[in-house]
Structure formats: structure tokens, C-alpha cells
């Protein structure tokens, strides 16, 4: 993945930075000029992967991927807890930055 390309534009009274990301279908994200470059990166705008997508890409079982990412900070988790009569389940959505972080940590 490459670095985002930054383009500055003047529109009316404010200056705007348009950032295009190569890995996204959405071509541009809009931000105010006063923001820091570090704080402008938002996990909410990143691509989020499902457990089967990561398992297919990494050639692993879904169970192993769930174990890797179950307690990882930044992963979206939702579902219902297990009760006496019903099995619990947990959906995970893994942001691209978390995926890269875990891969780098595991690769050594």
C-alpha cells in the first residue's frame, strides 16, 4: 500500500485538503486545513475486513484468525453472549491498520 496523495484546493473562504487513498473504492476524503496529518487518519474510514476475508488472504482457518484478533485493540466486535439455551456469537471487523500491525508483529 502506498502513501496517500494530498492535493490542496481553495474553496470559498476555507482551504481544503483532498486525500486520495489507492486501496479504497472511495477516491477522496475531505478534511479541514487546520488538522494535523497524524490526527487526520481515521480508522473509521479505512477498509474493514471480515474474518473469512483475512483467513482466505493469509491461508489460515477462520478459528485461528478469530483467536488472533479477538482481543486486539481497534477491532470492531458485536454479537450476543452465550446463555444456557443459546450459543453466543461474535462478529469481527478488522481495520486495515490493525491487520498490518498484527502481521508485522507476528512476522517478527
C-alpha atoms as a PDB file:
ATOM      1  CA  UNK A   1       0.000   0.000   0.000  1.00  0.00           C
ATOM      2  CA  UNK A   2       1.313   3.384  -0.949  1.00  0.00           C
ATOM      3  CA  UNK A   3       1.105   6.661   0.862  1.00  0.00           C
ATOM      4  CA  UNK A   4      -1.942   8.841   0.248  1.00  0.00           C
ATOM      5  CA  UNK A   5      -1.655  11.611  -2.312  1.00  0.00           C
ATOM      6  CA  UNK A   6      -2.506  15.036  -0.883  1.00  0.00           C
ATOM      7  CA  UNK A   7      -3.984  17.796  -3.022  1.00  0.00           C
ATOM      8  CA  UNK A   8      -4.755  21.301  -1.694  1.00  0.00           C
ATOM      9  CA  UNK A   9      -7.690  23.333  -3.006  1.00  0.00           C
ATOM     10  CA  UNK A  10      -9.192  26.695  -2.205  1.00  0.00           C
ATOM     11  CA  UNK A  11     -12.993  26.698  -1.993  1.00  0.00           C
ATOM     12  CA  UNK A  12     -14.716  29.904  -0.960  1.00  0.00           C
ATOM     13  CA  UNK A  13     -13.432  31.070   2.433  1.00  0.00           C
ATOM     14  CA  UNK A  14     -11.679  27.885   3.518  1.00  0.00           C
ATOM     15  CA  UNK A  15      -8.703  25.881   2.348  1.00  0.00           C
ATOM     16  CA  UNK A  16      -9.360  22.149   1.964  1.00  0.00           C
ATOM     17  CA  UNK A  17      -7.070  19.149   1.620  1.00  0.00           C
ATOM     18  CA  UNK A  18      -8.306  16.273  -0.506  1.00  0.00           C
ATOM     19  CA  UNK A  19      -6.601  12.980   0.208  1.00  0.00           C
ATOM     20  CA  UNK A  20      -6.958  10.069  -2.173  1.00  0.00           C
ATOM     21  CA  UNK A  21      -6.205   6.562  -0.987  1.00  0.00           C
ATOM     22  CA  UNK A  22      -5.122   3.945  -3.504  1.00  0.00           C
ATOM     23  CA  UNK A  23      -6.595   0.989  -1.633  1.00  0.00           C
ATOM     24  CA  UNK A  24     -10.145   2.357  -1.392  1.00  0.00           C
ATOM     25  CA  UNK A  25     -13.021   2.475  -3.794  1.00  0.00           C
ATOM     26  CA  UNK A  26     -13.945   5.889  -2.419  1.00  0.00           C
ATOM     27  CA  UNK A  27     -11.490   8.159  -4.166  1.00  0.00           C
ATOM     28  CA  UNK A  28     -11.244  11.103  -1.780  1.00  0.00           C
ATOM     29  CA  UNK A  29     -11.730  12.110   1.859  1.00  0.00           C
ATOM     30  CA  UNK A  30     -12.296  15.762   2.781  1.00  0.00           C
ATOM     31  CA  UNK A  31     -10.631  17.452   5.757  1.00  0.00           C
ATOM     32  CA  UNK A  32     -10.091  20.983   7.049  1.00  0.00           C
ATOM     33  CA  UNK A  33      -6.681  22.574   6.539  1.00  0.00           C
ATOM     34  CA  UNK A  34      -6.085  23.064  10.289  1.00  0.00           C
ATOM     35  CA  UNK A  35      -5.949  19.326  11.110  1.00  0.00           C
ATOM     36  CA  UNK A  36      -2.666  17.540  11.765  1.00  0.00           C
ATOM     37  CA  UNK A  37      -1.592  14.901   9.281  1.00  0.00           C
ATOM     38  CA  UNK A  38      -1.454  12.307  12.091  1.00  0.00           C
ATOM     39  CA  UNK A  39      -4.874  13.096  13.521  1.00  0.00           C
ATOM     40  CA  UNK A  40      -6.479  13.190  10.069  1.00  0.00           C
ATOM     41  CA  UNK A  41      -6.014   9.441   9.633  1.00  0.00           C
ATOM     42  CA  UNK A  42      -9.208   7.860  10.877  1.00  0.00           C
ATOM     43  CA  UNK A  43      -9.711   4.164  11.442  1.00  0.00           C
ATOM     44  CA  UNK A  44     -13.406   4.633  10.652  1.00  0.00           C
ATOM     45  CA  UNK A  45     -12.564   5.491   7.019  1.00  0.00           C
ATOM     46  CA  UNK A  46     -10.258   2.508   6.499  1.00  0.00           C
ATOM     47  CA  UNK A  47     -11.279  -0.675   4.779  1.00  0.00           C
ATOM     48  CA  UNK A  48     -12.550  -3.230   7.311  1.00  0.00           C
ATOM     49  CA  UNK A  49     -12.032  -6.930   6.609  1.00  0.00           C
ATOM     50  CA  UNK A  50     -14.217  -9.824   7.719  1.00  0.00           C
ATOM     51  CA  UNK A  51     -12.765 -12.929   9.348  1.00  0.00           C
ATOM     52  CA  UNK A  52     -13.297 -15.099   6.218  1.00  0.00           C
ATOM     53  CA  UNK A  53     -11.538 -12.488   4.036  1.00  0.00           C
ATOM     54  CA  UNK A  54      -8.475 -12.441   6.316  1.00  0.00           C
ATOM     55  CA  UNK A  55      -8.465 -16.240   6.604  1.00  0.00           C
ATOM     56  CA  UNK A  56      -8.530 -16.591   2.804  1.00  0.00           C
ATOM     57  CA  UNK A  57      -5.777 -13.980   2.289  1.00  0.00           C
ATOM     58  CA  UNK A  58      -3.491 -15.436   4.960  1.00  0.00           C
ATOM     59  CA  UNK A  59      -4.269 -19.101   4.176  1.00  0.00           C
ATOM     60  CA  UNK A  60      -5.439 -19.843   7.711  1.00  0.00           C
ATOM     61  CA  UNK A  61      -8.566 -21.164   9.350  1.00  0.00           C
ATOM     62  CA  UNK A  62     -11.259 -18.734  10.470  1.00  0.00           C
ATOM     63  CA  UNK A  63     -10.883 -20.068  14.004  1.00  0.00           C
ATOM     64  CA  UNK A  64      -7.192 -19.100  14.096  1.00  0.00           C
ATOM     65  CA  UNK A  65      -7.943 -15.625  12.716  1.00  0.00           C
ATOM     66  CA  UNK A  66     -10.626 -15.106  15.384  1.00  0.00           C
ATOM     67  CA  UNK A  67      -8.111 -16.050  18.090  1.00  0.00           C
ATOM     68  CA  UNK A  68      -5.531 -13.595  16.659  1.00  0.00           C
ATOM     69  CA  UNK A  69      -7.938 -10.652  16.589  1.00  0.00           C
ATOM     70  CA  UNK A  70     -10.422 -11.358  19.420  1.00  0.00           C
ATOM     71  CA  UNK A  71      -8.660  -9.148  21.993  1.00  0.00           C
ATOM     72  CA  UNK A  72      -6.811  -6.825  19.612  1.00  0.00           C
ATOM     73  CA  UNK A  73      -7.444  -3.094  20.198  1.00  0.00           C
ATOM     74  CA  UNK A  74      -9.182  -1.364  17.300  1.00  0.00           C
ATOM     75  CA  UNK A  75     -11.186  -4.382  16.100  1.00  0.00           C
ATOM     76  CA  UNK A  76     -14.956  -3.877  15.929  1.00  0.00           C
ATOM     77  CA  UNK A  77     -16.820  -6.582  17.865  1.00  0.00           C
ATOM     78  CA  UNK A  78     -20.516  -7.184  18.269  1.00  0.00           C
ATOM     79  CA  UNK A  79     -22.815 -10.116  18.875  1.00  0.00           C
ATOM     80  CA  UNK A  80     -24.586 -11.805  21.739  1.00  0.00           C
ATOM     81  CA  UNK A  81     -23.141 -13.628  24.741  1.00  0.00           C
ATOM     82  CA  UNK A  82     -23.726 -17.314  25.314  1.00  0.00           C
ATOM     83  CA  UNK A  83     -26.687 -18.235  27.536  1.00  0.00           C
ATOM     84  CA  UNK A  84     -27.819 -21.566  28.953  1.00  0.00           C
ATOM     85  CA  UNK A  85     -30.062 -22.171  25.955  1.00  0.00           C
ATOM     86  CA  UNK A  86     -28.373 -20.343  23.110  1.00  0.00           C
ATOM     87  CA  UNK A  87     -24.884 -20.349  21.645  1.00  0.00           C
ATOM     88  CA  UNK A  88     -23.111 -16.998  21.711  1.00  0.00           C
ATOM     89  CA  UNK A  89     -21.580 -15.420  18.643  1.00  0.00           C
ATOM     90  CA  UNK A  90     -19.265 -12.544  17.900  1.00  0.00           C
ATOM     91  CA  UNK A  91     -18.859 -10.643  14.627  1.00  0.00           C
ATOM     92  CA  UNK A  92     -15.475  -9.065  13.981  1.00  0.00           C
ATOM     93  CA  UNK A  93     -14.479  -6.350  11.518  1.00  0.00           C
ATOM     94  CA  UNK A  94     -10.741  -5.819  11.277  1.00  0.00           C
ATOM     95  CA  UNK A  95      -9.444  -2.406  10.132  1.00  0.00           C
ATOM     96  CA  UNK A  96      -6.594  -2.407   7.633  1.00  0.00           C
ATOM     97  CA  UNK A  97      -4.181  -0.712  10.077  1.00  0.00           C
ATOM     98  CA  UNK A  98      -4.840  -3.385  12.728  1.00  0.00           C
ATOM     99  CA  UNK A  99      -4.349  -6.115  10.130  1.00  0.00           C
ATOM    100  CA  UNK A 100      -0.969  -4.640   9.155  1.00  0.00           C
ATOM    101  CA  UNK A 101       0.065  -4.153  12.801  1.00  0.00           C
ATOM    102  CA  UNK A 102      -0.711  -7.766  13.739  1.00  0.00           C
ATOM    103  CA  UNK A 103       1.010  -9.087  10.616  1.00  0.00           C
ATOM    104  CA  UNK A 104       4.173  -7.091  11.338  1.00  0.00           C
ATOM    105  CA  UNK A 105       4.191  -8.215  14.975  1.00  0.00           C
ATOM    106  CA  UNK A 106       3.717 -11.882  14.056  1.00  0.00           C
ATOM    107  CA  UNK A 107       6.201 -11.770  11.161  1.00  0.00           C
ATOM    108  CA  UNK A 108       8.826 -10.743  13.586  1.00  0.00           C
END
